[in-house]
C-alpha atoms as a PDB file:
ATOM      1  CA  LEU A   1     -19.074 -14.226 -26.119  1.00  0.00           C
ATOM      2  CA  LYS A   2     -18.253 -12.075 -29.111  1.00  0.00           C
ATOM      3  CA  ALA A   3     -17.977  -8.336 -29.464  1.00  0.00           C
ATOM      4  CA  ARG A   4     -17.199  -5.729 -32.127  1.00  0.00           C
ATOM      5  CA  ILE A   5     -13.970  -3.689 -31.798  1.00  0.00           C
ATOM      6  CA  ILE A   6     -14.551   0.008 -30.844  1.00  0.00           C
ATOM      7  CA  GLU A   7     -11.908   2.440 -32.099  1.00  0.00           C
ATOM      8  CA  GLY A   8     -10.972   5.527 -30.154  1.00  0.00           C
ATOM      9  CA  ASP A   9      -9.654   6.602 -26.764  1.00  0.00           C
ATOM     10  CA  ASP A  10     -13.093   7.077 -25.147  1.00  0.00           C
ATOM     11  CA  VAL A  11     -15.925   4.749 -25.962  1.00  0.00           C
ATOM     12  CA  PHE A  12     -18.419   7.448 -24.741  1.00  0.00           C
ATOM     13  CA  SER A  13     -17.157  10.267 -27.086  1.00  0.00           C
ATOM     14  CA  ASP A  14     -18.856  11.145 -30.350  1.00  0.00           C
ATOM     15  CA  THR A  15     -15.649  10.182 -32.140  1.00  0.00           C
ATOM     16  CA  ALA A  16     -15.668   6.574 -30.959  1.00  0.00           C
ATOM     17  CA  LYS A  17     -16.401   4.143 -33.891  1.00  0.00           C
ATOM     18  CA  VAL A  18     -17.846   0.687 -33.684  1.00  0.00           C
ATOM     19  CA  THR A  19     -16.170  -1.373 -36.398  1.00  0.00           C
ATOM     20  CA  GLU A  20     -17.358  -4.433 -38.249  1.00  0.00           C
ATOM     21  CA  LYS A  21     -14.491  -6.515 -36.764  1.00  0.00           C
ATOM     22  CA  VAL A  22     -15.870  -9.199 -34.424  1.00  0.00           C
ATOM     23  CA  VAL A  23     -13.530 -10.854 -31.919  1.00  0.00           C
ATOM     24  CA  GLU A  24     -13.940 -13.531 -29.201  1.00  0.00           C
ATOM     25  CA  VAL A  25     -14.009 -12.003 -25.669  1.00  0.00           C
ATOM     26  CA  GLU A  26     -11.340 -13.624 -23.516  1.00  0.00           C
ATOM     27  CA  THR A  27     -12.112 -11.865 -20.224  1.00  0.00           C
ATOM     28  CA  LEU A  28     -15.125  -9.658 -19.496  1.00  0.00           C
ATOM     29  CA  LEU A  29     -13.876  -6.662 -17.481  1.00  0.00           C
ATOM     30  CA  GLY A  30     -15.846  -3.982 -15.813  1.00  0.00           C
ATOM     31  CA  PRO A  31     -17.091  -1.193 -18.057  1.00  0.00           C
ATOM     32  CA  LEU A  32     -15.400   1.650 -16.193  1.00  0.00           C
ATOM     33  CA  SER A  33     -12.120   2.047 -14.270  1.00  0.00           C
ATOM     34  CA  GLU A  34     -11.063   4.187 -11.327  1.00  0.00           C
ATOM     35  CA  GLU A  35      -9.330   6.524 -13.821  1.00  0.00           C
ATOM     36  CA  GLN A  36     -12.487   7.077 -15.805  1.00  0.00           C
ATOM     37  CA  VAL A  37     -14.654   7.841 -12.791  1.00  0.00           C
ATOM     38  CA  PRO A  38     -13.308  10.770 -10.763  1.00  0.00           C
ATOM     39  CA  ILE A  39     -16.154  10.485  -8.191  1.00  0.00           C
ATOM     40  CA  VAL A  40     -19.341   8.541  -7.696  1.00  0.00           C
ATOM     41  CA  ARG A  41     -22.357  10.683  -6.690  1.00  0.00           C
ATOM     42  CA  CYS A  42     -24.975   8.550  -5.026  1.00  0.00           C
ATOM     43  CA  MET A  43     -28.525   8.962  -3.909  1.00  0.00           C
ATOM     44  CA  GLY A  44     -29.714   7.439  -0.542  1.00  0.00           C
ATOM     45  CA  LEU A  45     -33.150   6.705   0.626  1.00  0.00           C
ATOM     46  CA  ASN A  46     -34.760   6.781  -2.793  1.00  0.00           C
ATOM     47  CA  TYR A  47     -36.825   3.584  -3.134  1.00  0.00           C
ATOM     48  CA  MET A  48     -40.196   4.010  -1.385  1.00  0.00           C
ATOM     49  CA  LYS A  49     -40.462   0.281  -0.623  1.00  0.00           C
ATOM     50  CA  HIS A  50     -37.098   0.284   1.065  1.00  0.00           C
ATOM     51  CA  ILE A  51     -37.942   3.381   3.094  1.00  0.00           C
ATOM     52  CA  LYS A  52     -41.166   1.832   4.295  1.00  0.00           C
ATOM     53  CA  GLU A  53     -39.484  -1.482   5.262  1.00  0.00           C
ATOM     54  CA  ALA A  54     -36.986   0.493   7.397  1.00  0.00           C
ATOM     55  CA  GLY A  55     -39.774   2.441   9.082  1.00  0.00           C
ATOM     56  CA  ARG A  56     -38.395   5.775   7.840  1.00  0.00           C
ATOM     57  CA  THR A  57     -40.023   8.795   6.414  1.00  0.00           C
ATOM     58  CA  PRO A  58     -39.317   9.726   2.786  1.00  0.00           C
ATOM     59  CA  PRO A  59     -36.874  12.669   2.487  1.00  0.00           C
ATOM     60  CA  PRO A  60     -38.242  15.939   0.990  1.00  0.00           C
ATOM     61  CA  TYR A  61     -35.136  16.335  -1.136  1.00  0.00           C
ATOM     62  CA  PRO A  62     -32.531  13.969  -2.575  1.00  0.00           C
ATOM     63  CA  SER A  63     -30.173  12.589   0.046  1.00  0.00           C
ATOM     64  CA  ILE A  64     -26.725  12.742  -1.747  1.00  0.00           C
ATOM     65  CA  PHE A  65     -23.457  11.018  -0.709  1.00  0.00           C
ATOM     66  CA  ILE A  66     -20.270  10.266  -2.535  1.00  0.00           C
ATOM     67  CA  LYS A  67     -17.937   7.395  -3.075  1.00  0.00           C
ATOM     68  CA  PRO A  68     -14.299   7.976  -4.101  1.00  0.00           C
ATOM     69  CA  SER A  69     -12.965   6.640  -7.384  1.00  0.00           C
ATOM     70  CA  THR A  70     -11.024   3.982  -5.446  1.00  0.00           C
ATOM     71  CA  SER A  71     -14.386   2.334  -4.714  1.00  0.00           C
ATOM     72  CA  ILE A  72     -14.800   1.410  -8.378  1.00  0.00           C
ATOM     73  CA  SER A  73     -14.255  -2.256  -9.318  1.00  0.00           C
ATOM     74  CA  ASP A  74     -15.135  -4.794 -11.963  1.00  0.00           C
ATOM     75  CA  TRP A  75     -18.455  -6.546 -11.537  1.00  0.00           C
ATOM     76  CA  GLY A  76     -16.904 -10.008 -11.073  1.00  0.00           C
ATOM     77  CA  SER A  77     -13.985  -9.115  -8.854  1.00  0.00           C
ATOM     78  CA  SER A  78     -13.514  -9.863  -5.140  1.00  0.00           C
ATOM     79  CA  ILE A  79     -14.437  -7.118  -2.719  1.00  0.00           C
ATOM     80  CA  PRO A  80     -11.875  -6.740   0.027  1.00  0.00           C
ATOM     81  CA  ILE A  81     -13.589  -6.137   3.339  1.00  0.00           C
ATOM     82  CA  PRO A  82     -11.495  -3.881   5.673  1.00  0.00           C
ATOM     83  CA  LYS A  83     -10.732  -5.253   9.110  1.00  0.00           C
ATOM     84  CA  LEU A  84     -12.957  -2.755  10.864  1.00  0.00           C
ATOM     85  CA  ALA A  85     -15.918  -4.229   8.908  1.00  0.00           C
ATOM     86  CA  GLN A  86     -15.236  -7.928   8.992  1.00  0.00           C
ATOM     87  CA  ASP A  87     -17.842  -8.734  11.688  1.00  0.00           C
ATOM     88  CA  GLU A  88     -20.850  -9.681   9.557  1.00  0.00           C
ATOM     89  CA  GLN A  89     -21.861  -6.101   8.768  1.00  0.00           C
ATOM     90  CA  ALA A  90     -20.873  -5.848   5.141  1.00  0.00           C
ATOM     91  CA  ASP A  91     -24.011  -5.548   3.103  1.00  0.00           C
ATOM     92  CA  TYR A  92     -25.067  -5.189  -0.567  1.00  0.00           C
ATOM     93  CA  GLU A  93     -27.579  -3.072  -2.509  1.00  0.00           C
ATOM     94  CA  GLY A  94     -28.189  -3.659  -6.206  1.00  0.00           C
ATOM     95  CA  GLU A  95     -28.498  -0.285  -7.947  1.00  0.00           C
ATOM     96  CA  LEU A  96     -29.039   1.356 -11.283  1.00  0.00           C
ATOM     97  CA  THR A  97     -26.169   3.655 -12.004  1.00  0.00           C
ATOM     98  CA  ILE A  98     -26.423   6.561 -14.468  1.00  0.00           C
ATOM     99  CA  VAL A  99     -23.243   7.205 -16.448  1.00  0.00           C
ATOM    100  CA  ILE A 100     -22.873  10.890 -17.175  1.00  0.00           C
ATOM    101  CA  GLY A 101     -21.552  11.519 -20.728  1.00  0.00           C
ATOM    102  CA  LYS A 102     -21.722  15.267 -20.891  1.00  0.00           C
ATOM    103  CA  PRO A 103     -21.239  17.714 -17.989  1.00  0.00           C
ATOM    104  CA  GLY A 104     -23.679  20.488 -17.241  1.00  0.00           C
ATOM    105  CA  LYS A 105     -25.375  22.587 -14.612  1.00  0.00           C
ATOM    106  CA  ASN A 106     -28.896  23.716 -14.029  1.00  0.00           C
ATOM    107  CA  ILE A 107     -30.223  21.166 -16.522  1.00  0.00           C
ATOM    108  CA  THR A 108     -33.896  21.085 -17.075  1.00  0.00           C
ATOM    109  CA  LEU A 109     -35.784  17.805 -16.594  1.00  0.00           C
ATOM    110  CA  GLU A 110     -36.636  17.878 -20.314  1.00  0.00           C
ATOM    111  CA  ASN A 111     -32.890  18.020 -21.247  1.00  0.00           C
ATOM    112  CA  ALA A 112     -31.599  15.564 -18.621  1.00  0.00           C
ATOM    113  CA  HIS A 113     -31.384  12.676 -21.019  1.00  0.00           C
ATOM    114  CA  LYS A 114     -28.957  14.540 -23.296  1.00  0.00           C
ATOM    115  CA  HIS A 115     -26.325  14.326 -20.574  1.00  0.00           C
ATOM    116  CA  ILE A 116     -26.652  10.603 -20.042  1.00  0.00           C
ATOM    117  CA  ALA A 117     -24.253   8.208 -21.795  1.00  0.00           C
ATOM    118  CA  GLY A 118     -25.911   5.120 -20.445  1.00  0.00           C
ATOM    119  CA  TYR A 119     -26.781   2.938 -17.531  1.00  0.00           C
ATOM    120  CA  VAL A 120     -24.920   0.228 -15.651  1.00  0.00           C
ATOM    121  CA  THR A 121     -25.867  -2.005 -12.755  1.00  0.00           C
ATOM    122  CA  SER A 122     -23.857  -1.686  -9.595  1.00  0.00           C
ATOM    123  CA  ASN A 123     -23.544  -2.954  -6.037  1.00  0.00           C
ATOM    124  CA  ASP A 124     -23.632  -0.261  -3.329  1.00  0.00           C
ATOM    125  CA  VAL A 125     -21.609  -2.191  -0.685  1.00  0.00           C
ATOM    126  CA  SER A 126     -21.876  -0.806   2.782  1.00  0.00           C
ATOM    127  CA  ALA A 127     -20.349  -1.396   6.306  1.00  0.00           C
ATOM    128  CA  ARG A 128     -23.737  -1.065   8.091  1.00  0.00           C
ATOM    129  CA  LYS A 129     -22.377  -0.668  11.617  1.00  0.00           C
ATOM    130  CA  TRP A 130     -20.230   2.273  10.564  1.00  0.00           C
ATOM    131  CA  GLN A 131     -23.227   3.703   8.671  1.00  0.00           C
ATOM    132  CA  ARG A 132     -25.987   3.501  11.297  1.00  0.00           C
ATOM    133  CA  GLU A 133     -24.980   2.528  14.832  1.00  0.00           C
ATOM    134  CA  LYS A 134     -24.447   5.533  17.057  1.00  0.00           C
ATOM    135  CA  ALA A 135     -21.481   3.923  18.907  1.00  0.00           C
ATOM    136  CA  TYR A 136     -19.597   3.997  15.584  1.00  0.00           C
ATOM    137  CA  ALA A 137     -21.320   6.543  13.330  1.00  0.00           C
ATOM    138  CA  GLY A 138     -22.227   9.077  15.966  1.00  0.00           C
ATOM    139  CA  GLY A 139     -25.601  10.806  15.975  1.00  0.00           C
ATOM    140  CA  VAL A 140     -25.656  11.270  12.159  1.00  0.00           C
ATOM    141  CA  PRO A 141     -25.461   8.335   9.659  1.00  0.00           C
ATOM    142  CA  GLN A 142     -22.022   8.108   7.951  1.00  0.00           C
ATOM    143  CA  PHE A 143     -22.822   7.300   4.360  1.00  0.00           C
ATOM    144  CA  CYS A 144     -19.531   8.400   2.787  1.00  0.00           C
ATOM    145  CA  PHE A 145     -17.267   6.532   5.167  1.00  0.00           C
ATOM    146  CA  SER A 146     -19.338   3.351   5.508  1.00  0.00           C
ATOM    147  CA  LYS A 147     -19.807   3.029   1.737  1.00  0.00           C
ATOM    148  CA  GLY A 148     -16.560   4.488   0.458  1.00  0.00           C
ATOM    149  CA  PHE A 149     -14.045   1.675   1.101  1.00  0.00           C
ATOM    150  CA  ASP A 150     -11.839   0.405  -1.709  1.00  0.00           C
ATOM    151  CA  LYS A 151     -13.802  -1.674  -4.274  1.00  0.00           C
ATOM    152  CA  PHE A 152     -17.164  -0.991  -2.576  1.00  0.00           C
ATOM    153  CA  ALA A 153     -18.797   0.041  -5.912  1.00  0.00           C
ATOM    154  CA  PRO A 154     -18.499  -2.817  -8.412  1.00  0.00           C
ATOM    155  CA  LEU A 155     -20.016  -1.880 -11.772  1.00  0.00           C
ATOM    156  CA  GLY A 156     -21.104  -4.040 -14.693  1.00  0.00           C
ATOM    157  CA  PRO A 157     -20.870  -6.123 -16.606  1.00  0.00           C
ATOM    158  CA  ALA A 158     -21.837  -3.491 -19.225  1.00  0.00           C
ATOM    159  CA  VAL A 159     -22.855   0.075 -19.789  1.00  0.00           C
ATOM    160  CA  VAL A 160     -26.131   0.115 -21.867  1.00  0.00           C
ATOM    161  CA  SER A 161     -26.780   3.287 -23.908  1.00  0.00           C
ATOM    162  CA  ARG A 162     -29.706   5.537 -23.081  1.00  0.00           C
ATOM    163  CA  GLU A 163     -31.054   4.928 -26.591  1.00  0.00           C
ATOM    164  CA  MET A 164     -31.179   1.141 -25.859  1.00  0.00           C
ATOM    165  CA  VAL A 165     -32.765   1.592 -22.438  1.00  0.00           C
ATOM    166  CA  GLY A 166     -35.328   4.227 -23.443  1.00  0.00           C
ATOM    167  CA  ASP A 167     -37.364   5.292 -20.457  1.00  0.00           C
ATOM    168  CA  ALA A 168     -35.371   4.325 -17.385  1.00  0.00           C
ATOM    169  CA  GLY A 169     -38.371   4.894 -15.141  1.00  0.00           C
ATOM    170  CA  ARG A 170     -39.641   1.283 -15.348  1.00  0.00           C
ATOM    171  CA  LEU A 171     -36.616  -0.983 -15.159  1.00  0.00           C
ATOM    172  CA  ARG A 172     -36.666  -4.144 -13.070  1.00  0.00           C
ATOM    173  CA  LEU A 173     -33.595  -4.572 -10.856  1.00  0.00           C
ATOM    174  CA  ARG A 174     -32.809  -7.967  -9.333  1.00  0.00           C
ATOM    175  CA  THR A 175     -29.939  -8.691  -6.950  1.00  0.00           C
ATOM    176  CA  ARG A 176     -28.744 -12.229  -6.432  1.00  0.00           C
ATOM    177  CA  VAL A 177     -26.163 -13.282  -3.834  1.00  0.00           C
ATOM    178  CA  ASN A 178     -24.627 -16.768  -4.617  1.00  0.00           C
ATOM    179  CA  GLY A 179     -27.550 -17.397  -6.976  1.00  0.00           C
ATOM    180  CA  GLU A 180     -30.222 -16.576  -4.337  1.00  0.00           C
ATOM    181  CA  MET A 181     -32.602 -13.693  -5.158  1.00  0.00           C
ATOM    182  CA  ARG A 182     -32.283 -11.060  -2.399  1.00  0.00           C
ATOM    183  CA  GLN A 183     -33.771  -7.934  -4.005  1.00  0.00           C
ATOM    184  CA  ASP A 184     -36.388  -7.442  -6.687  1.00  0.00           C
ATOM    185  CA  ALA A 185     -37.148  -3.758  -7.294  1.00  0.00           C
ATOM    186  CA  ASN A 186     -38.337  -1.469 -10.110  1.00  0.00           C
ATOM    187  CA  THR A 187     -37.160   2.085 -10.872  1.00  0.00           C
ATOM    188  CA  ALA A 188     -40.870   3.023 -10.923  1.00  0.00           C
ATOM    189  CA  ASP A 189     -40.491   2.910  -7.057  1.00  0.00           C
ATOM    190  CA  LEU A 190     -37.947   5.759  -7.068  1.00  0.00           C
ATOM    191  CA  ILE A 191     -39.099   8.876  -5.150  1.00  0.00           C
ATOM    192  CA  PHE A 192     -36.728  11.016  -7.227  1.00  0.00           C
ATOM    193  CA  GLY A 193     -36.760   9.579 -10.738  1.00  0.00           C
ATOM    194  CA  TRP A 194     -33.837   9.257 -13.102  1.00  0.00           C
ATOM    195  CA  ARG A 195     -34.431  12.607 -14.772  1.00  0.00           C
ATOM    196  CA  ARG A 196     -34.229  14.479 -11.418  1.00  0.00           C
ATOM    197  CA  LEU A 197     -31.165  12.578 -10.363  1.00  0.00           C
END
């Protein structure tokens, strides 16, 4: 694998420069570190097929939860499962993650793309028992706790610019576990599309 050298402190800034110097990649790291991601904002219950499979009703508004920066990890690294979740409950969900490149508030749908630096695949790791079961989660699902353990949000292997992706509303997402296909979804199935997110 070869790559061009990027000069600058922040690859997402307007001042970053892709040089003509090509080097051999020794180790492919994750595209973002804990230090670069202060918080991960997540959307739950957003794929219509997944909601129907679970026998649930689509939410009228986006269902938001967060993961702390300590949940970020490289795409190929091991995920430490905490002792309280080591009883066959750890689960995976392949996701499309939007990398915000420019902050803003009250952004119109027409201008949403201007705030996106790019997209990266991710794994929304969950401790299902602590998320759903009343004996552990109580009467309300515990998304933040059950999904926020250290390294429960591997990202990568690369951030792809919004210009390269184009319309993110029709991307195929496939999740494999040990080479076996486990999920095959499309962002066209999102209830709340990428612009609204």
